[in-house]
Amino acid sequence: MSDDDSDLTELAYPYALDAMAELERRRVEKRLLETDEATARQFTTTVRELRETLAAMTMVDALEPRAALEDSLLRALDDKLAVAPPVPRRSGFGRKRWIAAAAAAVIVAIGASIAVVADRSSEPETGLSAQVVLEQPDVRTRTVPVATGGSLTVHTSARLAAASVSFDGVAQPESGRAYQLWLVQDGAARSAGVVENVPDRGPSVVTRYDSVDTLALTIEPAGGSPQPTSQPIAAVPLA
């Protein structure tokens, strides 16, 4: 593996935690398309495993994070990094920044609702939830069909620049697969959340968005993908 390829695989860690600027993220995604198959596979595997580690420990029963949450995140990251090559300091993603990104990436579950906040590095509020979006005076609701059956309902608030997403009549993903939501802007997609188990009722995902974003839904391998690997089965403009 060349030095450039090694650097790319190291960037899988901050990429998985959304701990990089949008411009740098797009550069990484461009390099990922140009690199060899083995490096791309290693990058994707690292991203998926780290996100699975975080998702497994972030189901909490309150919007406010527990006092022990940071310690739990640290232990999970230490376990993951203990078997991986250390990331050089030159990469610019220090331990503290990783902690902040991981803590902000926590999935908050209340009953059947799961909140996933995108664009975490600039997220000003804590405790953004589907209920908060629904209570906004400017909330808008749009429902679109899902190609595989059922429908997707999106509630948006321009005031919060946030959207909540609900599934209705959508089948559970097949074994080894998951639904993944994407925010698409100028042809570039970034993950807005992975749904491996469709809840019986209530909003599934809450995400931040930009006024020109489109929300798209694809079927991906379990744990999600760094970029879409299939055609969207539903799409909703958020403008």
C-alpha atoms as a PDB file:
ATOM      1  CA  MET A   1       0.000   0.000   0.000  1.00  0.00           C
ATOM      2  CA  SER A   2       1.415   3.401  -0.962  1.00  0.00           C
ATOM      3  CA  ASP A   3       1.766   6.288   1.489  1.00  0.00           C
ATOM      4  CA  ASP A   4      -1.187   8.003  -0.223  1.00  0.00           C
ATOM      5  CA  ASP A   5      -3.341   4.887   0.200  1.00  0.00           C
ATOM      6  CA  SER A   6      -2.293   4.586   3.848  1.00  0.00           C
ATOM      7  CA  ASP A   7      -3.265   8.208   4.425  1.00  0.00           C
ATOM      8  CA  LEU A   8      -6.663   7.556   2.827  1.00  0.00           C
ATOM      9  CA  THR A   9      -7.424   4.592   5.098  1.00  0.00           C
ATOM     10  CA  GLU A  10      -6.439   6.664   8.139  1.00  0.00           C
ATOM     11  CA  LEU A  11      -8.971   9.291   7.088  1.00  0.00           C
ATOM     12  CA  ALA A  12     -11.708   6.664   7.414  1.00  0.00           C
ATOM     13  CA  TYR A  13     -11.857   7.375  11.166  1.00  0.00           C
ATOM     14  CA  PRO A  14     -12.653  11.123  11.045  1.00  0.00           C
ATOM     15  CA  TYR A  15     -14.836  10.445   7.990  1.00  0.00           C
ATOM     16  CA  ALA A  16     -16.927   7.932   9.934  1.00  0.00           C
ATOM     17  CA  LEU A  17     -17.353  10.438  12.767  1.00  0.00           C
ATOM     18  CA  ASP A  18     -18.207  13.364  10.437  1.00  0.00           C
ATOM     19  CA  ALA A  19     -15.202  15.146  11.937  1.00  0.00           C
ATOM     20  CA  MET A  20     -14.062  16.866   8.762  1.00  0.00           C
ATOM     21  CA  ALA A  21     -15.128  19.902   6.781  1.00  0.00           C
ATOM     22  CA  GLU A  22     -17.409  19.404   3.773  1.00  0.00           C
ATOM     23  CA  LEU A  23     -14.651  20.321   1.288  1.00  0.00           C
ATOM     24  CA  GLU A  24     -12.256  17.804   2.800  1.00  0.00           C
ATOM     25  CA  ARG A  25     -14.997  15.160   2.865  1.00  0.00           C
ATOM     26  CA  ARG A  26     -15.573  15.636  -0.864  1.00  0.00           C
ATOM     27  CA  ARG A  27     -11.842  15.353  -1.534  1.00  0.00           C
ATOM     28  CA  VAL A  28     -11.752  12.073   0.379  1.00  0.00           C
ATOM     29  CA  GLU A  29     -14.740  10.760  -1.587  1.00  0.00           C
ATOM     30  CA  LYS A  30     -13.054  11.732  -4.872  1.00  0.00           C
ATOM     31  CA  ARG A  31      -9.876   9.910  -3.828  1.00  0.00           C
ATOM     32  CA  LEU A  32     -11.968   6.905  -2.829  1.00  0.00           C
ATOM     33  CA  LEU A  33     -13.339   6.656  -6.368  1.00  0.00           C
ATOM     34  CA  GLU A  34      -9.816   6.804  -7.825  1.00  0.00           C
ATOM     35  CA  THR A  35      -7.988   4.438  -5.467  1.00  0.00           C
ATOM     36  CA  ASP A  36      -7.498   0.677  -5.871  1.00  0.00           C
ATOM     37  CA  GLU A  37     -10.219  -1.797  -4.890  1.00  0.00           C
ATOM     38  CA  ALA A  38      -8.406  -3.139  -1.804  1.00  0.00           C
ATOM     39  CA  THR A  39      -7.904   0.324  -0.316  1.00  0.00           C
ATOM     40  CA  ALA A  40     -11.507   1.326  -1.047  1.00  0.00           C
ATOM     41  CA  ARG A  41     -12.735  -1.886   0.596  1.00  0.00           C
ATOM     42  CA  GLN A  42     -10.568  -1.288   3.682  1.00  0.00           C
ATOM     43  CA  PHE A  43     -11.841   2.303   3.937  1.00  0.00           C
ATOM     44  CA  THR A  44     -15.483   1.201   3.670  1.00  0.00           C
ATOM     45  CA  THR A  45     -15.011  -1.597   6.213  1.00  0.00           C
ATOM     46  CA  THR A  46     -13.374   0.751   8.724  1.00  0.00           C
ATOM     47  CA  VAL A  47     -16.177   3.316   8.368  1.00  0.00           C
ATOM     48  CA  ARG A  48     -18.883   0.665   8.743  1.00  0.00           C
ATOM     49  CA  GLU A  49     -17.277  -1.003  11.784  1.00  0.00           C
ATOM     50  CA  LEU A  50     -16.707   2.275  13.619  1.00  0.00           C
ATOM     51  CA  ARG A  51     -20.285   3.427  12.983  1.00  0.00           C
ATOM     52  CA  GLU A  52     -21.595   0.056  14.157  1.00  0.00           C
ATOM     53  CA  THR A  53     -19.526   0.380  17.342  1.00  0.00           C
ATOM     54  CA  LEU A  54     -20.995   3.816  18.030  1.00  0.00           C
ATOM     55  CA  ALA A  55     -24.545   2.795  17.135  1.00  0.00           C
ATOM     56  CA  ALA A  56     -24.385  -0.204  19.471  1.00  0.00           C
ATOM     57  CA  MET A  57     -23.652   1.987  22.476  1.00  0.00           C
ATOM     58  CA  THR A  58     -25.641   5.125  21.776  1.00  0.00           C
ATOM     59  CA  MET A  59     -29.201   3.996  22.480  1.00  0.00           C
ATOM     60  CA  VAL A  60     -30.044   6.195  25.457  1.00  0.00           C
ATOM     61  CA  ASP A  61     -33.299   6.891  27.252  1.00  0.00           C
ATOM     62  CA  ALA A  62     -33.132  10.688  27.497  1.00  0.00           C
ATOM     63  CA  LEU A  63     -32.332  13.583  25.216  1.00  0.00           C
ATOM     64  CA  GLU A  64     -29.717  14.959  27.596  1.00  0.00           C
ATOM     65  CA  PRO A  65     -26.566  12.789  27.466  1.00  0.00           C
ATOM     66  CA  ARG A  66     -25.725  10.780  30.551  1.00  0.00           C
ATOM     67  CA  ALA A  67     -22.652  11.787  32.554  1.00  0.00           C
ATOM     68  CA  ALA A  68     -20.921   8.520  31.635  1.00  0.00           C
ATOM     69  CA  LEU A  69     -21.544   8.912  27.898  1.00  0.00           C
ATOM     70  CA  GLU A  70     -18.138  10.390  27.054  1.00  0.00           C
ATOM     71  CA  ASP A  71     -16.351   7.650  29.022  1.00  0.00           C
ATOM     72  CA  SER A  72     -18.335   5.006  27.128  1.00  0.00           C
ATOM     73  CA  LEU A  73     -17.461   6.592  23.801  1.00  0.00           C
ATOM     74  CA  LEU A  74     -13.800   6.754  24.775  1.00  0.00           C
ATOM     75  CA  ARG A  75     -13.752   3.075  25.688  1.00  0.00           C
ATOM     76  CA  ALA A  76     -15.387   2.091  22.389  1.00  0.00           C
ATOM     77  CA  LEU A  77     -12.977   4.211  20.371  1.00  0.00           C
ATOM     78  CA  ASP A  78      -9.985   2.881  22.310  1.00  0.00           C
ATOM     79  CA  ASP A  79     -11.124  -0.704  21.659  1.00  0.00           C
ATOM     80  CA  LYS A  80     -11.466   0.020  17.959  1.00  0.00           C
ATOM     81  CA  LEU A  81      -8.203   1.924  17.626  1.00  0.00           C
ATOM     82  CA  ALA A  82      -6.241  -0.655  19.634  1.00  0.00           C
ATOM     83  CA  VAL A  83      -6.328  -3.017  16.650  1.00  0.00           C
ATOM     84  CA  ALA A  84      -5.785  -0.385  13.954  1.00  0.00           C
ATOM     85  CA  PRO A  85      -2.697   1.589  12.892  1.00  0.00           C
ATOM     86  CA  PRO A  86      -2.406   4.864  14.835  1.00  0.00           C
ATOM     87  CA  VAL A  87      -3.497   7.978  12.968  1.00  0.00           C
ATOM     88  CA  PRO A  88      -0.547  10.377  12.580  1.00  0.00           C
ATOM     89  CA  ARG A  89      -0.925  13.763  14.199  1.00  0.00           C
ATOM     90  CA  ARG A  90      -0.499  15.363  10.770  1.00  0.00           C
ATOM     91  CA  SER A  91      -3.992  14.254   9.831  1.00  0.00           C
ATOM     92  CA  GLY A  92      -5.307  17.079  12.017  1.00  0.00           C
ATOM     93  CA  PHE A  93      -7.921  15.061  13.868  1.00  0.00           C
ATOM     94  CA  GLY A  94      -6.781  14.933  17.476  1.00  0.00           C
ATOM     95  CA  ARG A  95      -8.302  12.841  20.242  1.00  0.00           C
ATOM     96  CA  LYS A  96     -10.402  15.721  21.584  1.00  0.00           C
ATOM     97  CA  ARG A  97     -11.934  16.431  18.186  1.00  0.00           C
ATOM     98  CA  TRP A  98     -12.760  12.758  17.748  1.00  0.00           C
ATOM     99  CA  ILE A  99     -14.456  12.728  21.158  1.00  0.00           C
ATOM    100  CA  ALA A 100     -16.535  15.792  20.259  1.00  0.00           C
ATOM    101  CA  ALA A 101     -17.543  14.345  16.898  1.00  0.00           C
ATOM    102  CA  ALA A 102     -18.396  10.962  18.367  1.00  0.00           C
ATOM    103  CA  ALA A 103     -20.449  12.483  21.180  1.00  0.00           C
ATOM    104  CA  ALA A 104     -22.340  14.669  18.705  1.00  0.00           C
ATOM    105  CA  ALA A 105     -22.931  11.635  16.481  1.00  0.00           C
ATOM    106  CA  VAL A 106     -24.853   9.830  19.231  1.00  0.00           C
ATOM    107  CA  ILE A 107     -28.182   8.388  18.117  1.00  0.00           C
ATOM    108  CA  VAL A 108     -30.885   9.362  20.606  1.00  0.00           C
ATOM    109  CA  ALA A 109     -33.778   6.940  20.934  1.00  0.00           C
ATOM    110  CA  ILE A 110     -37.088   7.605  22.694  1.00  0.00           C
ATOM    111  CA  GLY A 111     -39.523   4.764  22.179  1.00  0.00           C
ATOM    112  CA  ALA A 112     -39.558   4.149  18.448  1.00  0.00           C
ATOM    113  CA  SER A 113     -37.959   7.489  17.559  1.00  0.00           C
ATOM    114  CA  ILE A 114     -34.299   7.793  16.617  1.00  0.00           C
ATOM    115  CA  ALA A 115     -32.615  11.178  16.240  1.00  0.00           C
ATOM    116  CA  VAL A 116     -29.561  11.434  14.035  1.00  0.00           C
ATOM    117  CA  VAL A 117     -28.034  14.899  13.679  1.00  0.00           C
ATOM    118  CA  ALA A 118     -26.053  15.622  10.546  1.00  0.00           C
ATOM    119  CA  ASP A 119     -23.526  18.451  10.108  1.00  0.00           C
ATOM    120  CA  ARG A 120     -22.550  17.789  13.711  1.00  0.00           C
ATOM    121  CA  SER A 121     -19.503  20.038  13.862  1.00  0.00           C
ATOM    122  CA  SER A 122     -21.730  23.133  13.724  1.00  0.00           C
ATOM    123  CA  GLU A 123     -24.738  21.783  15.627  1.00  0.00           C
ATOM    124  CA  PRO A 124     -25.708  24.541  18.141  1.00  0.00           C
ATOM    125  CA  GLU A 125     -28.436  22.714  20.045  1.00  0.00           C
ATOM    126  CA  THR A 126     -28.526  19.540  22.061  1.00  0.00           C
ATOM    127  CA  GLY A 127     -31.671  17.443  22.203  1.00  0.00           C
ATOM    128  CA  LEU A 128     -32.984  18.069  18.682  1.00  0.00           C
ATOM    129  CA  SER A 129     -35.852  15.625  18.268  1.00  0.00           C
ATOM    130  CA  ALA A 130     -38.729  14.851  15.942  1.00  0.00           C
ATOM    131  CA  GLN A 131     -41.123  16.440  18.420  1.00  0.00           C
ATOM    132  CA  VAL A 132     -39.143  19.688  18.334  1.00  0.00           C
ATOM    133  CA  VAL A 133     -39.427  19.767  14.530  1.00  0.00           C
ATOM    134  CA  LEU A 134     -43.163  18.990  14.589  1.00  0.00           C
ATOM    135  CA  GLU A 135     -43.844  21.785  17.084  1.00  0.00           C
ATOM    136  CA  GLN A 136     -42.331  24.502  14.876  1.00  0.00           C
ATOM    137  CA  PRO A 137     -44.836  27.037  13.474  1.00  0.00           C
ATOM    138  CA  ASP A 138     -43.357  26.699   9.968  1.00  0.00           C
ATOM    139  CA  VAL A 139     -43.413  22.899   9.813  1.00  0.00           C
ATOM    140  CA  ARG A 140     -44.235  21.442   6.368  1.00  0.00           C
ATOM    141  CA  THR A 141     -45.198  17.854   5.596  1.00  0.00           C
ATOM    142  CA  ARG A 142     -44.512  15.956   2.384  1.00  0.00           C
ATOM    143  CA  THR A 143     -45.214  12.290   1.647  1.00  0.00           C
ATOM    144  CA  VAL A 144     -43.685  10.383  -1.271  1.00  0.00           C
ATOM    145  CA  PRO A 145     -44.006   6.742  -2.352  1.00  0.00           C
ATOM    146  CA  VAL A 146     -41.152   4.307  -1.798  1.00  0.00           C
ATOM    147  CA  ALA A 147     -40.354   2.247  -4.900  1.00  0.00           C
ATOM    148  CA  THR A 148     -40.278  -1.009  -2.935  1.00  0.00           C
ATOM    149  CA  GLY A 149     -43.623  -0.314  -1.238  1.00  0.00           C
ATOM    150  CA  GLY A 150     -44.983   2.015   1.396  1.00  0.00           C
ATOM    151  CA  SER A 151     -44.283   5.704   1.760  1.00  0.00           C
ATOM    152  CA  LEU A 152     -41.879   8.186   3.287  1.00  0.00           C
ATOM    153  CA  THR A 153     -43.200  11.223   5.179  1.00  0.00           C
ATOM    154  CA  VAL A 154     -40.879  14.159   5.791  1.00  0.00           C
ATOM    155  CA  HIS A 155     -41.653  17.017   8.181  1.00  0.00           C
ATOM    156  CA  THR A 156     -39.402  20.047   7.662  1.00  0.00           C
ATOM    157  CA  SER A 157     -38.796  23.289   9.512  1.00  0.00           C
ATOM    158  CA  ALA A 158     -36.910  25.982   7.613  1.00  0.00           C
ATOM    159  CA  ARG A 159     -36.536  27.855  10.890  1.00  0.00           C
ATOM    160  CA  LEU A 160     -34.512  24.980  12.363  1.00  0.00           C
ATOM    161  CA  ALA A 161     -33.160  23.772   9.005  1.00  0.00           C
ATOM    162  CA  ALA A 162     -34.179  20.341  10.255  1.00  0.00           C
ATOM    163  CA  ALA A 163     -36.295  17.454   9.013  1.00  0.00           C
ATOM    164  CA  SER A 164     -37.890  14.410  10.620  1.00  0.00           C
ATOM    165  CA  VAL A 165     -38.541  11.300   8.569  1.00  0.00           C
ATOM    166  CA  SER A 166     -41.198   8.609   9.095  1.00  0.00           C
ATOM    167  CA  PHE A 167     -41.821   5.317   7.311  1.00  0.00           C
ATOM    168  CA  ASP A 168     -45.319   3.989   6.618  1.00  0.00           C
ATOM    169  CA  GLY A 169     -45.876   0.509   5.242  1.00  0.00           C
ATOM    170  CA  VAL A 170     -42.196   0.088   4.405  1.00  0.00           C
ATOM    171  CA  ALA A 171     -40.930  -3.472   4.842  1.00  0.00           C
ATOM    172  CA  GLN A 172     -37.992  -4.260   7.093  1.00  0.00           C
ATOM    173  CA  PRO A 173     -34.721  -4.442   5.133  1.00  0.00           C
ATOM    174  CA  GLU A 174     -33.493  -7.889   4.175  1.00  0.00           C
ATOM    175  CA  SER A 175     -30.861  -9.598   6.316  1.00  0.00           C
ATOM    176  CA  GLY A 176     -27.488  -7.929   5.869  1.00  0.00           C
ATOM    177  CA  ARG A 177     -29.073  -4.774   4.415  1.00  0.00           C
ATOM    178  CA  ALA A 178     -30.232  -1.420   5.769  1.00  0.00           C
ATOM    179  CA  TYR A 179     -32.023   1.694   4.607  1.00  0.00           C
ATOM    180  CA  GLN A 180     -29.814   4.771   4.425  1.00  0.00           C
ATOM    181  CA  LEU A 181     -30.905   8.393   4.072  1.00  0.00           C
ATOM    182  CA  TRP A 182     -28.778  10.863   2.146  1.00  0.00           C
ATOM    183  CA  LEU A 183     -28.637  14.635   1.819  1.00  0.00           C
ATOM    184  CA  VAL A 184     -27.811  15.346  -1.814  1.00  0.00           C
ATOM    185  CA  GLN A 185     -26.454  18.695  -2.964  1.00  0.00           C
ATOM    186  CA  ASP A 186     -24.876  19.464  -6.354  1.00  0.00           C
ATOM    187  CA  GLY A 187     -24.534  15.767  -7.073  1.00  0.00           C
ATOM    188  CA  ALA A 188     -22.680  15.032  -3.811  1.00  0.00           C
ATOM    189  CA  ALA A 189     -24.316  12.870  -1.145  1.00  0.00           C
ATOM    190  CA  ARG A 190     -23.651  12.725   2.582  1.00  0.00           C
ATOM    191  CA  SER A 191     -25.240  10.306   4.984  1.00  0.00           C
ATOM    192  CA  ALA A 192     -28.179  11.523   7.073  1.00  0.00           C
ATOM    193  CA  GLY A 193     -28.739   8.277   8.958  1.00  0.00           C
ATOM    194  CA  VAL A 194     -28.904   4.498   8.712  1.00  0.00           C
ATOM    195  CA  VAL A 195     -32.132   2.652   9.561  1.00  0.00           C
ATOM    196  CA  GLU A 196     -31.612  -1.074  10.094  1.00  0.00           C
ATOM    197  CA  ASN A 197     -34.959  -1.640  11.827  1.00  0.00           C
ATOM    198  CA  VAL A 198     -38.003   0.306  10.632  1.00  0.00           C
ATOM    199  CA  PRO A 199     -40.033   1.356  13.713  1.00  0.00           C
ATOM    200  CA  ASP A 200     -43.711   0.457  13.901  1.00  0.00           C
ATOM    201  CA  ARG A 201     -44.674   4.085  14.377  1.00  0.00           C
ATOM    202  CA  GLY A 202     -43.269   7.552  14.948  1.00  0.00           C
ATOM    203  CA  PRO A 203     -40.464   9.445  13.217  1.00  0.00           C
ATOM    204  CA  SER A 204     -37.331   7.427  12.507  1.00  0.00           C
ATOM    205  CA  VAL A 205     -34.697  10.038  11.746  1.00  0.00           C
ATOM    206  CA  VAL A 206     -34.109  13.720  12.461  1.00  0.00           C
ATOM    207  CA  THR A 207     -31.443  15.489  10.423  1.00  0.00           C
ATOM    208  CA  ARG A 208     -30.121  18.943   9.611  1.00  0.00           C
ATOM    209  CA  TYR A 209     -30.250  20.072   5.990  1.00  0.00           C
ATOM    210  CA  ASP A 210     -29.448  22.956   3.646  1.00  0.00           C
ATOM    211  CA  SER A 211     -32.152  24.750   1.680  1.00  0.00           C
ATOM    212  CA  VAL A 212     -31.010  23.214  -1.622  1.00  0.00           C
ATOM    213  CA  ASP A 213     -30.722  19.651  -0.315  1.00  0.00           C
ATOM    214  CA  THR A 214     -32.726  16.689  -1.530  1.00  0.00           C
ATOM    215  CA  LEU A 215     -33.363  13.840   0.886  1.00  0.00           C
ATOM    216  CA  ALA A 216     -32.899  10.451  -0.800  1.00  0.00           C
ATOM    217  CA  LEU A 217     -33.379   6.888   0.444  1.00  0.00           C
ATOM    218  CA  THR A 218     -31.323   3.902  -0.722  1.00  0.00           C
ATOM    219  CA  ILE A 219     -30.783   0.290   0.310  1.00  0.00           C
ATOM    220  CA  GLU A 220     -27.232  -0.347   1.527  1.00  0.00           C
ATOM    221  CA  PRO A 221     -25.202  -3.045   3.297  1.00  0.00           C
ATOM    222  CA  ALA A 222     -25.888  -3.316   7.033  1.00  0.00           C
ATOM    223  CA  GLY A 223     -24.149  -0.513   8.879  1.00  0.00           C
ATOM    224  CA  GLY A 224     -24.424   1.866   5.927  1.00  0.00           C
ATOM    225  CA  SER A 225     -22.040   3.011   3.201  1.00  0.00           C
ATOM    226  CA  PRO A 226     -19.804   6.076   2.883  1.00  0.00           C
ATOM    227  CA  GLN A 227     -21.497   6.774  -0.471  1.00  0.00           C
ATOM    228  CA  PRO A 228     -24.687   5.402  -2.090  1.00  0.00           C
ATOM    229  CA  THR A 229     -24.213   2.030  -3.790  1.00  0.00           C
ATOM    230  CA  SER A 230     -27.713   1.771  -5.284  1.00  0.00           C
ATOM    231  CA  GLN A 231     -30.314   3.934  -6.960  1.00  0.00           C
ATOM    232  CA  PRO A 232     -32.657   5.915  -4.660  1.00  0.00           C
ATOM    233  CA  ILE A 233     -35.994   4.274  -3.918  1.00  0.00           C
ATOM    234  CA  ALA A 234     -37.456   7.609  -2.730  1.00  0.00           C
ATOM    235  CA  ALA A 235     -36.451  11.274  -2.907  1.00  0.00           C
ATOM    236  CA  VAL A 236     -37.866  14.485  -1.404  1.00  0.00           C
ATOM    237  CA  PRO A 237     -36.665  18.035  -2.207  1.00  0.00           C
ATOM    238  CA  LEU A 238     -36.190  19.922   1.061  1.00  0.00           C
ATOM    239  CA  ALA A 239     -36.202  23.452  -0.358  1.00  0.00           C
END
